């Protein structure tokens, strides 16, 4: 299917387009170790020397978020040809191949609401649900990868996205709920070095990919929003230069994690409330194009609903991920407020 002669022209995105469904696993020797093509959009790189670092980089969980896919595709090619140093165990995942081929966010359901085994309920309703089957396969891939690691290994998972709406903070990350573990300054510092100066500290278990790996494998994990959604070929790669540099340093094992870094200038937010659609009458009183992190004044009725309305309780409460077009029971928005780690 692929030979070493193909490395210089290899394009991960095109390869996934040509092989969007399950394919036979095959393994190739490369200059710095081995490349294992496990399945559609799933490549594992094994360095020639022993490493206690296990890094998972995922992209394309939403098929229209193209910039992270372009970054990861270039990195894959450079590892294959030897121009990108490989000194960690590395798992590369392109999350939603068929949505990527259509440059749609998803085909039927939001894939990033299906992890932590939430895909099971979707498959009970429809055994052929593509996104649910894909979530199951991705969970299998990270399980196989991280379970190779010894108990004292460092495990990382950075799930790379771009946002579908404007944001007052163009680049931001979600630090998943840590199940009692402490937030790490070194990980927040890494986000800063990636050009991400705003982090939302999540408040409860969830169904995102980053929570799944954090919870089940104690990985240092983030959902990272690197900018705005654009079609393939229209991304200004210089906008992503800091993030790409840091990710390449991680893969080369020459990024210095610093737990003593001062991060006072970082914008940290905590979730105050999750606003859910509880009925057909639930409605956010905001424009469809409202920017993430927009703040409100006390007394504004943000969510109208006969059963569970929400009125802003204090100045400065802000909103992220507003969406009036979700099914009953799903999140319409998060209400957040500033917080510090101190």
C-alpha atoms as a PDB file:
ATOM      1  CA  UNK A   1       0.000   0.000   0.000  1.00  0.00           C
ATOM      2  CA  UNK A   2       2.890   2.348   0.782  1.00  0.00           C
ATOM      3  CA  UNK A   3       6.648   2.074   0.286  1.00  0.00           C
ATOM      4  CA  UNK A   4       9.654   4.056   1.421  1.00  0.00           C
ATOM      5  CA  UNK A   5       9.873   5.536  -2.082  1.00  0.00           C
ATOM      6  CA  UNK A   6       6.558   7.271  -1.416  1.00  0.00           C
ATOM      7  CA  UNK A   7       7.696   9.116   1.727  1.00  0.00           C
ATOM      8  CA  UNK A   8       8.792  12.389   0.095  1.00  0.00           C
ATOM      9  CA  UNK A   9       5.390  12.911  -1.499  1.00  0.00           C
ATOM     10  CA  UNK A  10       3.283  11.339   1.251  1.00  0.00           C
ATOM     11  CA  UNK A  11       0.278  13.382   2.319  1.00  0.00           C
ATOM     12  CA  UNK A  12      -1.600  12.060   5.341  1.00  0.00           C
ATOM     13  CA  UNK A  13      -4.829  13.879   4.448  1.00  0.00           C
ATOM     14  CA  UNK A  14      -4.832  12.464   0.913  1.00  0.00           C
ATOM     15  CA  UNK A  15      -3.976   9.000   2.220  1.00  0.00           C
ATOM     16  CA  UNK A  16      -6.987   9.116   4.545  1.00  0.00           C
ATOM     17  CA  UNK A  17      -9.183  10.332   1.681  1.00  0.00           C
ATOM     18  CA  UNK A  18      -8.101   7.296  -0.307  1.00  0.00           C
ATOM     19  CA  UNK A  19      -8.570   4.963   2.688  1.00  0.00           C
ATOM     20  CA  UNK A  20     -11.466   6.418   4.730  1.00  0.00           C
ATOM     21  CA  UNK A  21     -12.691   3.031   5.933  1.00  0.00           C
ATOM     22  CA  UNK A  22     -10.899   0.283   7.775  1.00  0.00           C
ATOM     23  CA  UNK A  23      -7.728  -0.984   6.079  1.00  0.00           C
ATOM     24  CA  UNK A  24      -5.331  -3.780   6.865  1.00  0.00           C
ATOM     25  CA  UNK A  25      -2.641  -2.891   9.385  1.00  0.00           C
ATOM     26  CA  UNK A  26       0.847  -2.635   7.906  1.00  0.00           C
ATOM     27  CA  UNK A  27       4.239  -1.667   9.316  1.00  0.00           C
ATOM     28  CA  UNK A  28       7.175   0.120   7.711  1.00  0.00           C
ATOM     29  CA  UNK A  29      10.756   0.602   8.812  1.00  0.00           C
ATOM     30  CA  UNK A  30      11.744   4.255   8.809  1.00  0.00           C
ATOM     31  CA  UNK A  31      15.043   5.972   9.509  1.00  0.00           C
ATOM     32  CA  UNK A  32      14.167   6.639  13.155  1.00  0.00           C
ATOM     33  CA  UNK A  33      12.191   3.521  14.043  1.00  0.00           C
ATOM     34  CA  UNK A  34       8.914   2.097  12.788  1.00  0.00           C
ATOM     35  CA  UNK A  35       5.651   3.452  11.415  1.00  0.00           C
ATOM     36  CA  UNK A  36       2.567   1.332  12.009  1.00  0.00           C
ATOM     37  CA  UNK A  37      -0.475   2.177   9.889  1.00  0.00           C
ATOM     38  CA  UNK A  38      -3.127   0.630  12.116  1.00  0.00           C
ATOM     39  CA  UNK A  39      -6.318   1.740  10.435  1.00  0.00           C
ATOM     40  CA  UNK A  40      -8.002   4.633   8.646  1.00  0.00           C
ATOM     41  CA  UNK A  41      -6.452   7.814  10.065  1.00  0.00           C
ATOM     42  CA  UNK A  42      -4.506   5.957  12.774  1.00  0.00           C
ATOM     43  CA  UNK A  43      -0.689   5.896  12.606  1.00  0.00           C
ATOM     44  CA  UNK A  44       1.693   4.947  15.403  1.00  0.00           C
ATOM     45  CA  UNK A  45       5.371   5.881  15.341  1.00  0.00           C
ATOM     46  CA  UNK A  46       7.799   3.846  17.441  1.00  0.00           C
ATOM     47  CA  UNK A  47      11.218   5.453  17.958  1.00  0.00           C
ATOM     48  CA  UNK A  48      14.381   3.412  17.606  1.00  0.00           C
ATOM     49  CA  UNK A  49      15.393   4.171  21.197  1.00  0.00           C
ATOM     50  CA  UNK A  50      13.420   3.525  24.380  1.00  0.00           C
ATOM     51  CA  UNK A  51      11.253   6.446  25.504  1.00  0.00           C
ATOM     52  CA  UNK A  52       9.015   6.838  28.539  1.00  0.00           C
ATOM     53  CA  UNK A  53       6.950   9.522  26.780  1.00  0.00           C
ATOM     54  CA  UNK A  54       3.744   8.629  24.970  1.00  0.00           C
ATOM     55  CA  UNK A  55       2.275  11.464  22.927  1.00  0.00           C
ATOM     56  CA  UNK A  56      -1.097  11.357  21.176  1.00  0.00           C
ATOM     57  CA  UNK A  57      -1.922  14.131  18.701  1.00  0.00           C
ATOM     58  CA  UNK A  58      -5.470  14.035  17.382  1.00  0.00           C
ATOM     59  CA  UNK A  59      -7.044  16.290  14.788  1.00  0.00           C
ATOM     60  CA  UNK A  60     -10.094  16.276  12.553  1.00  0.00           C
ATOM     61  CA  UNK A  61     -12.514  15.100  15.241  1.00  0.00           C
ATOM     62  CA  UNK A  62     -14.639  17.717  13.487  1.00  0.00           C
ATOM     63  CA  UNK A  63     -14.171  17.303   9.768  1.00  0.00           C
ATOM     64  CA  UNK A  64     -14.213  21.000   8.818  1.00  0.00           C
ATOM     65  CA  UNK A  65     -11.412  22.006  11.213  1.00  0.00           C
ATOM     66  CA  UNK A  66      -8.671  21.848   8.642  1.00  0.00           C
ATOM     67  CA  UNK A  67      -5.626  23.688  10.006  1.00  0.00           C
ATOM     68  CA  UNK A  68      -4.707  21.064  12.644  1.00  0.00           C
ATOM     69  CA  UNK A  69      -5.012  18.355   9.994  1.00  0.00           C
ATOM     70  CA  UNK A  70      -2.598  20.235   7.734  1.00  0.00           C
ATOM     71  CA  UNK A  71      -0.126  20.685  10.603  1.00  0.00           C
ATOM     72  CA  UNK A  72      -0.257  17.013  11.583  1.00  0.00           C
ATOM     73  CA  UNK A  73      -0.062  15.855   7.960  1.00  0.00           C
ATOM     74  CA  UNK A  74       3.160  17.801   7.438  1.00  0.00           C
ATOM     75  CA  UNK A  75       4.582  16.378  10.648  1.00  0.00           C
ATOM     76  CA  UNK A  76       3.791  12.813   9.549  1.00  0.00           C
ATOM     77  CA  UNK A  77       5.576  13.329   6.230  1.00  0.00           C
ATOM     78  CA  UNK A  78       8.601  14.867   7.927  1.00  0.00           C
ATOM     79  CA  UNK A  79       8.875  11.956  10.372  1.00  0.00           C
ATOM     80  CA  UNK A  80       8.688   9.495   7.480  1.00  0.00           C
ATOM     81  CA  UNK A  81      11.484  11.232   5.543  1.00  0.00           C
ATOM     82  CA  UNK A  82      13.562  11.887   8.670  1.00  0.00           C
ATOM     83  CA  UNK A  83      13.522  15.690   8.758  1.00  0.00           C
ATOM     84  CA  UNK A  84      11.386  15.722  11.926  1.00  0.00           C
ATOM     85  CA  UNK A  85      13.181  14.140  14.877  1.00  0.00           C
ATOM     86  CA  UNK A  86      11.240  11.324  16.551  1.00  0.00           C
ATOM     87  CA  UNK A  87      12.226  10.545  20.147  1.00  0.00           C
ATOM     88  CA  UNK A  88       8.869   9.740  21.733  1.00  0.00           C
ATOM     89  CA  UNK A  89       6.212   7.127  21.202  1.00  0.00           C
ATOM     90  CA  UNK A  90       3.692   8.919  19.008  1.00  0.00           C
ATOM     91  CA  UNK A  91       0.098   8.205  18.045  1.00  0.00           C
ATOM     92  CA  UNK A  92      -1.432  10.287  15.256  1.00  0.00           C
ATOM     93  CA  UNK A  93      -5.209  10.282  14.843  1.00  0.00           C
ATOM     94  CA  UNK A  94      -7.415  11.888  12.223  1.00  0.00           C
ATOM     95  CA  UNK A  95     -10.722  11.598  13.995  1.00  0.00           C
ATOM     96  CA  UNK A  96     -13.528  11.807  11.476  1.00  0.00           C
ATOM     97  CA  UNK A  97     -12.354  10.848   7.958  1.00  0.00           C
ATOM     98  CA  UNK A  98     -15.746  10.869   6.239  1.00  0.00           C
ATOM     99  CA  UNK A  99     -16.721  14.259   7.667  1.00  0.00           C
ATOM    100  CA  UNK A 100     -13.271  15.514   6.642  1.00  0.00           C
ATOM    101  CA  UNK A 101     -13.905  14.380   3.067  1.00  0.00           C
ATOM    102  CA  UNK A 102     -17.066  16.500   3.019  1.00  0.00           C
ATOM    103  CA  UNK A 103     -15.463  19.316   5.058  1.00  0.00           C
ATOM    104  CA  UNK A 104     -18.442  19.081   7.404  1.00  0.00           C
ATOM    105  CA  UNK A 105     -18.297  19.255  11.190  1.00  0.00           C
ATOM    106  CA  UNK A 106     -19.854  15.783  11.369  1.00  0.00           C
ATOM    107  CA  UNK A 107     -22.122  13.494   9.351  1.00  0.00           C
ATOM    108  CA  UNK A 108     -24.880  12.754  11.875  1.00  0.00           C
ATOM    109  CA  UNK A 109     -23.703  13.490  15.404  1.00  0.00           C
ATOM    110  CA  UNK A 110     -20.970  15.457  17.135  1.00  0.00           C
ATOM    111  CA  UNK A 111     -18.107  12.973  17.540  1.00  0.00           C
ATOM    112  CA  UNK A 112     -16.663  14.941  20.462  1.00  0.00           C
ATOM    113  CA  UNK A 113     -19.786  14.150  22.518  1.00  0.00           C
ATOM    114  CA  UNK A 114     -19.303  10.382  22.163  1.00  0.00           C
ATOM    115  CA  UNK A 115     -16.155   9.548  24.108  1.00  0.00           C
ATOM    116  CA  UNK A 116     -15.860   8.108  27.598  1.00  0.00           C
ATOM    117  CA  UNK A 117     -18.047   5.306  26.196  1.00  0.00           C
ATOM    118  CA  UNK A 118     -20.979   7.588  25.367  1.00  0.00           C
ATOM    119  CA  UNK A 119     -20.948   6.005  21.887  1.00  0.00           C
ATOM    120  CA  UNK A 120     -22.658   2.938  23.361  1.00  0.00           C
ATOM    121  CA  UNK A 121     -26.062   4.607  23.624  1.00  0.00           C
ATOM    122  CA  UNK A 122     -25.822   5.796  20.014  1.00  0.00           C
ATOM    123  CA  UNK A 123     -25.044   2.287  18.781  1.00  0.00           C
ATOM    124  CA  UNK A 124     -27.980   0.913  20.747  1.00  0.00           C
ATOM    125  CA  UNK A 125     -30.212   3.256  18.766  1.00  0.00           C
ATOM    126  CA  UNK A 126     -28.415   2.637  15.445  1.00  0.00           C
ATOM    127  CA  UNK A 127     -25.762  -0.099  15.139  1.00  0.00           C
ATOM    128  CA  UNK A 128     -24.485   1.546  11.945  1.00  0.00           C
ATOM    129  CA  UNK A 129     -24.020   5.086  13.315  1.00  0.00           C
ATOM    130  CA  UNK A 130     -20.736   6.212  11.738  1.00  0.00           C
ATOM    131  CA  UNK A 131     -19.611   8.657  14.421  1.00  0.00           C
ATOM    132  CA  UNK A 132     -20.380   6.184  17.211  1.00  0.00           C
ATOM    133  CA  UNK A 133     -18.388   3.441  15.482  1.00  0.00           C
ATOM    134  CA  UNK A 134     -15.568   5.900  14.937  1.00  0.00           C
ATOM    135  CA  UNK A 135     -15.526   6.948  18.618  1.00  0.00           C
ATOM    136  CA  UNK A 136     -15.340   3.278  19.582  1.00  0.00           C
ATOM    137  CA  UNK A 137     -12.411   2.727  17.204  1.00  0.00           C
ATOM    138  CA  UNK A 138     -10.531   5.793  18.455  1.00  0.00           C
ATOM    139  CA  UNK A 139     -10.988   4.679  22.045  1.00  0.00           C
ATOM    140  CA  UNK A 140      -9.533   1.291  21.094  1.00  0.00           C
ATOM    141  CA  UNK A 141      -6.553   3.014  19.464  1.00  0.00           C
ATOM    142  CA  UNK A 142      -5.658   5.153  22.488  1.00  0.00           C
ATOM    143  CA  UNK A 143      -6.198   2.192  24.823  1.00  0.00           C
ATOM    144  CA  UNK A 144      -3.786   0.017  22.811  1.00  0.00           C
ATOM    145  CA  UNK A 145      -1.284   2.889  22.699  1.00  0.00           C
ATOM    146  CA  UNK A 146      -1.284   4.026  26.325  1.00  0.00           C
ATOM    147  CA  UNK A 147      -1.500   0.530  27.773  1.00  0.00           C
ATOM    148  CA  UNK A 148       1.943  -0.156  26.277  1.00  0.00           C
ATOM    149  CA  UNK A 149       3.389   2.476  28.589  1.00  0.00           C
ATOM    150  CA  UNK A 150       4.929   1.618  31.976  1.00  0.00           C
ATOM    151  CA  UNK A 151       3.339   2.948  35.156  1.00  0.00           C
ATOM    152  CA  UNK A 152       5.828   5.817  35.460  1.00  0.00           C
ATOM    153  CA  UNK A 153       5.492   6.945  31.828  1.00  0.00           C
ATOM    154  CA  UNK A 154       4.481  10.461  30.826  1.00  0.00           C
ATOM    155  CA  UNK A 155       1.300  10.378  28.752  1.00  0.00           C
ATOM    156  CA  UNK A 156       0.102  13.365  26.739  1.00  0.00           C
ATOM    157  CA  UNK A 157      -2.917  13.936  24.532  1.00  0.00           C
ATOM    158  CA  UNK A 158      -3.530  17.168  22.668  1.00  0.00           C
ATOM    159  CA  UNK A 159      -6.776  17.169  20.697  1.00  0.00           C
ATOM    160  CA  UNK A 160      -6.377  19.927  18.122  1.00  0.00           C
ATOM    161  CA  UNK A 161      -9.347  21.939  16.878  1.00  0.00           C
ATOM    162  CA  UNK A 162     -10.349  25.253  15.334  1.00  0.00           C
ATOM    163  CA  UNK A 163     -13.494  27.070  16.473  1.00  0.00           C
ATOM    164  CA  UNK A 164     -16.627  27.475  14.359  1.00  0.00           C
ATOM    165  CA  UNK A 165     -17.307  30.980  15.680  1.00  0.00           C
ATOM    166  CA  UNK A 166     -15.363  34.110  16.488  1.00  0.00           C
ATOM    167  CA  UNK A 167     -13.817  34.454  19.929  1.00  0.00           C
ATOM    168  CA  UNK A 168     -12.666  37.360  22.061  1.00  0.00           C
ATOM    169  CA  UNK A 169      -9.685  35.109  22.795  1.00  0.00           C
ATOM    170  CA  UNK A 170      -8.750  33.687  19.406  1.00  0.00           C
ATOM    171  CA  UNK A 171      -6.860  30.700  20.801  1.00  0.00           C
ATOM    172  CA  UNK A 172      -8.027  28.885  23.890  1.00  0.00           C
ATOM    173  CA  UNK A 173      -7.943  25.452  25.451  1.00  0.00           C
ATOM    174  CA  UNK A 174     -10.179  23.321  27.622  1.00  0.00           C
ATOM    175  CA  UNK A 175      -8.442  21.590  30.514  1.00  0.00           C
ATOM    176  CA  UNK A 176     -10.685  18.571  31.190  1.00  0.00           C
ATOM    177  CA  UNK A 177     -11.967  17.686  34.637  1.00  0.00           C
ATOM    178  CA  UNK A 178      -9.139  15.984  36.527  1.00  0.00           C
ATOM    179  CA  UNK A 179     -11.057  13.672  38.876  1.00  0.00           C
ATOM    180  CA  UNK A 180      -9.330  15.112  41.951  1.00  0.00           C
ATOM    181  CA  UNK A 181      -5.872  15.552  40.417  1.00  0.00           C
ATOM    182  CA  UNK A 182      -4.285  19.009  40.398  1.00  0.00           C
ATOM    183  CA  UNK A 183      -3.901  21.270  37.395  1.00  0.00           C
ATOM    184  CA  UNK A 184      -0.274  21.420  36.269  1.00  0.00           C
ATOM    185  CA  UNK A 185       1.484  24.728  35.745  1.00  0.00           C
ATOM    186  CA  UNK A 186       3.835  23.014  33.277  1.00  0.00           C
ATOM    187  CA  UNK A 187       0.868  22.110  31.075  1.00  0.00           C
ATOM    188  CA  UNK A 188      -0.573  25.618  31.221  1.00  0.00           C
ATOM    189  CA  UNK A 189       2.881  26.935  30.330  1.00  0.00           C
ATOM    190  CA  UNK A 190       2.937  24.609  27.321  1.00  0.00           C
ATOM    191  CA  UNK A 191      -0.349  26.095  26.190  1.00  0.00           C
ATOM    192  CA  UNK A 192       1.149  29.572  26.457  1.00  0.00           C
ATOM    193  CA  UNK A 193       4.106  28.488  24.371  1.00  0.00           C
ATOM    194  CA  UNK A 194       1.628  27.192  21.789  1.00  0.00           C
ATOM    195  CA  UNK A 195       0.189  30.711  21.596  1.00  0.00           C
ATOM    196  CA  UNK A 196      -2.822  29.790  23.732  1.00  0.00           C
ATOM    197  CA  UNK A 197      -3.205  32.249  26.603  1.00  0.00           C
ATOM    198  CA  UNK A 198      -6.773  31.423  27.644  1.00  0.00           C
ATOM    199  CA  UNK A 199      -7.774  28.184  29.363  1.00  0.00           C
ATOM    200  CA  UNK A 200     -11.152  26.974  30.533  1.00  0.00           C
ATOM    201  CA  UNK A 201     -10.929  24.659  33.554  1.00  0.00           C
ATOM    202  CA  UNK A 202     -13.729  22.144  33.145  1.00  0.00           C
ATOM    203  CA  UNK A 203     -15.931  21.347  36.108  1.00  0.00           C
ATOM    204  CA  UNK A 204     -17.161  17.775  35.696  1.00  0.00           C
ATOM    205  CA  UNK A 205     -16.667  14.529  33.774  1.00  0.00           C
ATOM    206  CA  UNK A 206     -17.527  14.811  30.110  1.00  0.00           C
ATOM    207  CA  UNK A 207     -17.761  13.051  26.779  1.00  0.00           C
ATOM    208  CA  UNK A 208     -14.871  14.758  24.989  1.00  0.00           C
ATOM    209  CA  UNK A 209     -11.835  12.955  23.650  1.00  0.00           C
ATOM    210  CA  UNK A 210      -9.462  14.831  25.951  1.00  0.00           C
ATOM    211  CA  UNK A 211     -11.499  13.938  29.042  1.00  0.00           C
ATOM    212  CA  UNK A 212     -11.510  10.289  27.964  1.00  0.00           C
ATOM    213  CA  UNK A 213      -7.717  10.021  27.868  1.00  0.00           C
ATOM    214  CA  UNK A 214      -7.260  12.136  30.991  1.00  0.00           C
ATOM    215  CA  UNK A 215      -9.724  10.017  32.963  1.00  0.00           C
ATOM    216  CA  UNK A 216      -8.858   6.531  31.771  1.00  0.00           C
ATOM    217  CA  UNK A 217      -5.089   6.841  31.280  1.00  0.00           C
ATOM    218  CA  UNK A 218      -4.149   9.806  33.505  1.00  0.00           C
ATOM    219  CA  UNK A 219      -2.803  11.570  30.425  1.00  0.00           C
ATOM    220  CA  UNK A 220      -2.051  15.297  30.505  1.00  0.00           C
ATOM    221  CA  UNK A 221      -4.732  16.283  28.015  1.00  0.00           C
ATOM    222  CA  UNK A 222      -6.329  19.363  26.475  1.00  0.00           C
ATOM    223  CA  UNK A 223      -8.850  20.240  23.841  1.00  0.00           C
ATOM    224  CA  UNK A 224      -6.976  23.005  22.013  1.00  0.00           C
ATOM    225  CA  UNK A 225      -8.768  25.599  19.872  1.00  0.00           C
ATOM    226  CA  UNK A 226      -6.056  27.051  17.661  1.00  0.00           C
ATOM    227  CA  UNK A 227      -8.047  29.590  15.676  1.00  0.00           C
ATOM    228  CA  UNK A 228     -10.986  29.828  13.279  1.00  0.00           C
ATOM    229  CA  UNK A 229     -12.409  27.226  10.920  1.00  0.00           C
ATOM    230  CA  UNK A 230     -11.355  27.670   7.286  1.00  0.00           C
ATOM    231  CA  UNK A 231     -11.422  25.373   4.242  1.00  0.00           C
ATOM    232  CA  UNK A 232      -8.377  23.343   3.230  1.00  0.00           C
ATOM    233  CA  UNK A 233      -5.745  25.530   1.583  1.00  0.00           C
ATOM    234  CA  UNK A 234      -7.048  28.793   3.072  1.00  0.00           C
ATOM    235  CA  UNK A 235      -5.303  28.607   6.457  1.00  0.00           C
ATOM    236  CA  UNK A 236      -2.529  31.083   7.129  1.00  0.00           C
ATOM    237  CA  UNK A 237       0.007  28.703   8.584  1.00  0.00           C
ATOM    238  CA  UNK A 238       1.974  31.492  10.250  1.00  0.00           C
ATOM    239  CA  UNK A 239      -1.058  31.921  12.563  1.00  0.00           C
ATOM    240  CA  UNK A 240      -0.308  28.440  13.894  1.00  0.00           C
ATOM    241  CA  UNK A 241       3.474  28.697  13.973  1.00  0.00           C
ATOM    242  CA  UNK A 242       3.877  28.726  17.762  1.00  0.00           C
ATOM    243  CA  UNK A 243       1.676  25.671  18.221  1.00  0.00           C
ATOM    244  CA  UNK A 244       3.382  23.746  15.439  1.00  0.00           C
ATOM    245  CA  UNK A 245       6.822  24.584  16.838  1.00  0.00           C
ATOM    246  CA  UNK A 246       5.885  23.305  20.308  1.00  0.00           C
ATOM    247  CA  UNK A 247       4.300  20.127  18.977  1.00  0.00           C
ATOM    248  CA  UNK A 248       7.395  19.379  16.919  1.00  0.00           C
ATOM    249  CA  UNK A 249       9.563  19.985  19.987  1.00  0.00           C
ATOM    250  CA  UNK A 250       7.428  17.518  21.939  1.00  0.00           C
ATOM    251  CA  UNK A 251       7.861  14.859  19.261  1.00  0.00           C
ATOM    252  CA  UNK A 252      11.622  15.485  19.236  1.00  0.00           C
ATOM    253  CA  UNK A 253      11.662  15.358  23.073  1.00  0.00           C
ATOM    254  CA  UNK A 254      13.344  18.729  23.299  1.00  0.00           C
ATOM    255  CA  UNK A 255      10.507  20.731  24.835  1.00  0.00           C
ATOM    256  CA  UNK A 256      11.344  21.739  28.423  1.00  0.00           C
ATOM    257  CA  UNK A 257       8.357  21.401  30.746  1.00  0.00           C
ATOM    258  CA  UNK A 258       8.556  24.047  33.453  1.00  0.00           C
ATOM    259  CA  UNK A 259       6.439  23.693  36.576  1.00  0.00           C
ATOM    260  CA  UNK A 260       7.921  26.890  38.065  1.00  0.00           C
ATOM    261  CA  UNK A 261       6.746  29.152  35.277  1.00  0.00           C
ATOM    262  CA  UNK A 262       4.829  32.294  36.268  1.00  0.00           C
ATOM    263  CA  UNK A 263       1.452  32.251  34.479  1.00  0.00           C
ATOM    264  CA  UNK A 264      -0.158  35.281  36.113  1.00  0.00           C
ATOM    265  CA  UNK A 265      -0.873  36.785  32.707  1.00  0.00           C
ATOM    266  CA  UNK A 266      -2.905  33.768  31.574  1.00  0.00           C
ATOM    267  CA  UNK A 267      -6.691  34.080  31.293  1.00  0.00           C
ATOM    268  CA  UNK A 268      -8.159  31.263  33.379  1.00  0.00           C
ATOM    269  CA  UNK A 269     -11.877  30.594  33.561  1.00  0.00           C
ATOM    270  CA  UNK A 270     -14.005  28.105  35.450  1.00  0.00           C
ATOM    271  CA  UNK A 271     -17.445  26.872  34.464  1.00  0.00           C
ATOM    272  CA  UNK A 272     -20.144  28.402  36.627  1.00  0.00           C
ATOM    273  CA  UNK A 273     -23.104  26.731  34.979  1.00  0.00           C
ATOM    274  CA  UNK A 274     -23.979  24.514  32.050  1.00  0.00           C
ATOM    275  CA  UNK A 275     -27.038  25.779  30.178  1.00  0.00           C
ATOM    276  CA  UNK A 276     -29.060  22.880  28.778  1.00  0.00           C
ATOM    277  CA  UNK A 277     -31.941  22.661  26.355  1.00  0.00           C
ATOM    278  CA  UNK A 278     -34.649  21.242  28.604  1.00  0.00           C
ATOM    279  CA  UNK A 279     -37.573  21.810  26.232  1.00  0.00           C
ATOM    280  CA  UNK A 280     -38.465  22.969  22.734  1.00  0.00           C
ATOM    281  CA  UNK A 281     -38.955  26.435  24.234  1.00  0.00           C
ATOM    282  CA  UNK A 282     -35.359  26.779  25.497  1.00  0.00           C
ATOM    283  CA  UNK A 283     -33.733  29.727  23.722  1.00  0.00           C
ATOM    284  CA  UNK A 284     -30.519  31.678  24.222  1.00  0.00           C
ATOM    285  CA  UNK A 285     -31.155  35.406  23.776  1.00  0.00           C
ATOM    286  CA  UNK A 286     -27.999  36.013  21.736  1.00  0.00           C
ATOM    287  CA  UNK A 287     -27.103  36.497  18.090  1.00  0.00           C
ATOM    288  CA  UNK A 288     -26.097  33.388  16.168  1.00  0.00           C
ATOM    289  CA  UNK A 289     -22.644  34.854  15.536  1.00  0.00           C
ATOM    290  CA  UNK A 290     -21.956  35.927  19.132  1.00  0.00           C
ATOM    291  CA  UNK A 291     -18.259  35.582  19.972  1.00  0.00           C
ATOM    292  CA  UNK A 292     -17.042  33.137  22.598  1.00  0.00           C
ATOM    293  CA  UNK A 293     -16.128  34.812  25.923  1.00  0.00           C
ATOM    294  CA  UNK A 294     -18.655  37.627  25.464  1.00  0.00           C
ATOM    295  CA  UNK A 295     -19.469  39.108  28.891  1.00  0.00           C
ATOM    296  CA  UNK A 296     -22.889  40.153  30.216  1.00  0.00           C
ATOM    297  CA  UNK A 297     -24.261  42.561  32.775  1.00  0.00           C
ATOM    298  CA  UNK A 298     -26.189  41.479  35.845  1.00  0.00           C
ATOM    299  CA  UNK A 299     -29.902  41.067  35.204  1.00  0.00           C
ATOM    300  CA  UNK A 300     -29.737  40.014  31.550  1.00  0.00           C
ATOM    301  CA  UNK A 301     -31.993  37.042  30.813  1.00  0.00           C
ATOM    302  CA  UNK A 302     -29.530  34.902  28.902  1.00  0.00           C
ATOM    303  CA  UNK A 303     -31.658  31.772  28.629  1.00  0.00           C
ATOM    304  CA  UNK A 304     -35.400  31.917  28.203  1.00  0.00           C
ATOM    305  CA  UNK A 305     -37.324  28.804  29.171  1.00  0.00           C
ATOM    306  CA  UNK A 306     -40.612  28.242  31.015  1.00  0.00           C
ATOM    307  CA  UNK A 307     -38.965  25.644  33.259  1.00  0.00           C
ATOM    308  CA  UNK A 308     -35.336  26.702  33.728  1.00  0.00           C
ATOM    309  CA  UNK A 309     -34.543  30.261  32.603  1.00  0.00           C
ATOM    310  CA  UNK A 310     -31.213  31.812  33.490  1.00  0.00           C
ATOM    311  CA  UNK A 311     -30.626  35.452  34.424  1.00  0.00           C
ATOM    312  CA  UNK A 312     -27.060  36.759  34.742  1.00  0.00           C
ATOM    313  CA  UNK A 313     -26.283  36.973  38.446  1.00  0.00           C
ATOM    314  CA  UNK A 314     -23.228  39.243  38.411  1.00  0.00           C
ATOM    315  CA  UNK A 315     -21.343  41.493  35.994  1.00  0.00           C
ATOM    316  CA  UNK A 316     -18.619  39.752  34.034  1.00  0.00           C
ATOM    317  CA  UNK A 317     -20.197  36.353  33.583  1.00  0.00           C
ATOM    318  CA  UNK A 318     -19.309  35.205  30.073  1.00  0.00           C
ATOM    319  CA  UNK A 319     -20.493  32.634  27.574  1.00  0.00           C
ATOM    320  CA  UNK A 320     -18.704  30.041  25.426  1.00  0.00           C
ATOM    321  CA  UNK A 321     -20.043  27.623  22.829  1.00  0.00           C
ATOM    322  CA  UNK A 322     -23.519  29.212  22.486  1.00  0.00           C
ATOM    323  CA  UNK A 323     -25.709  27.106  20.204  1.00  0.00           C
ATOM    324  CA  UNK A 324     -29.481  27.247  19.926  1.00  0.00           C
ATOM    325  CA  UNK A 325     -29.543  24.315  17.506  1.00  0.00           C
ATOM    326  CA  UNK A 326     -28.999  21.347  19.818  1.00  0.00           C
ATOM    327  CA  UNK A 327     -31.368  18.516  20.763  1.00  0.00           C
ATOM    328  CA  UNK A 328     -33.225  18.450  24.062  1.00  0.00           C
ATOM    329  CA  UNK A 329     -30.914  17.370  26.843  1.00  0.00           C
ATOM    330  CA  UNK A 330     -27.740  18.731  25.248  1.00  0.00           C
ATOM    331  CA  UNK A 331     -25.659  21.752  26.179  1.00  0.00           C
ATOM    332  CA  UNK A 332     -26.654  25.096  24.686  1.00  0.00           C
ATOM    333  CA  UNK A 333     -23.784  27.039  26.248  1.00  0.00           C
ATOM    334  CA  UNK A 334     -21.352  27.230  29.124  1.00  0.00           C
ATOM    335  CA  UNK A 335     -21.462  30.130  31.540  1.00  0.00           C
ATOM    336  CA  UNK A 336     -17.975  30.904  32.840  1.00  0.00           C
ATOM    337  CA  UNK A 337     -16.242  33.254  35.248  1.00  0.00           C
ATOM    338  CA  UNK A 338     -12.586  34.231  35.863  1.00  0.00           C
ATOM    339  CA  UNK A 339     -10.590  32.117  38.307  1.00  0.00           C
ATOM    340  CA  UNK A 340      -7.016  31.730  39.521  1.00  0.00           C
ATOM    341  CA  UNK A 341      -5.058  28.677  40.579  1.00  0.00           C
ATOM    342  CA  UNK A 342      -3.813  30.405  43.689  1.00  0.00           C
END
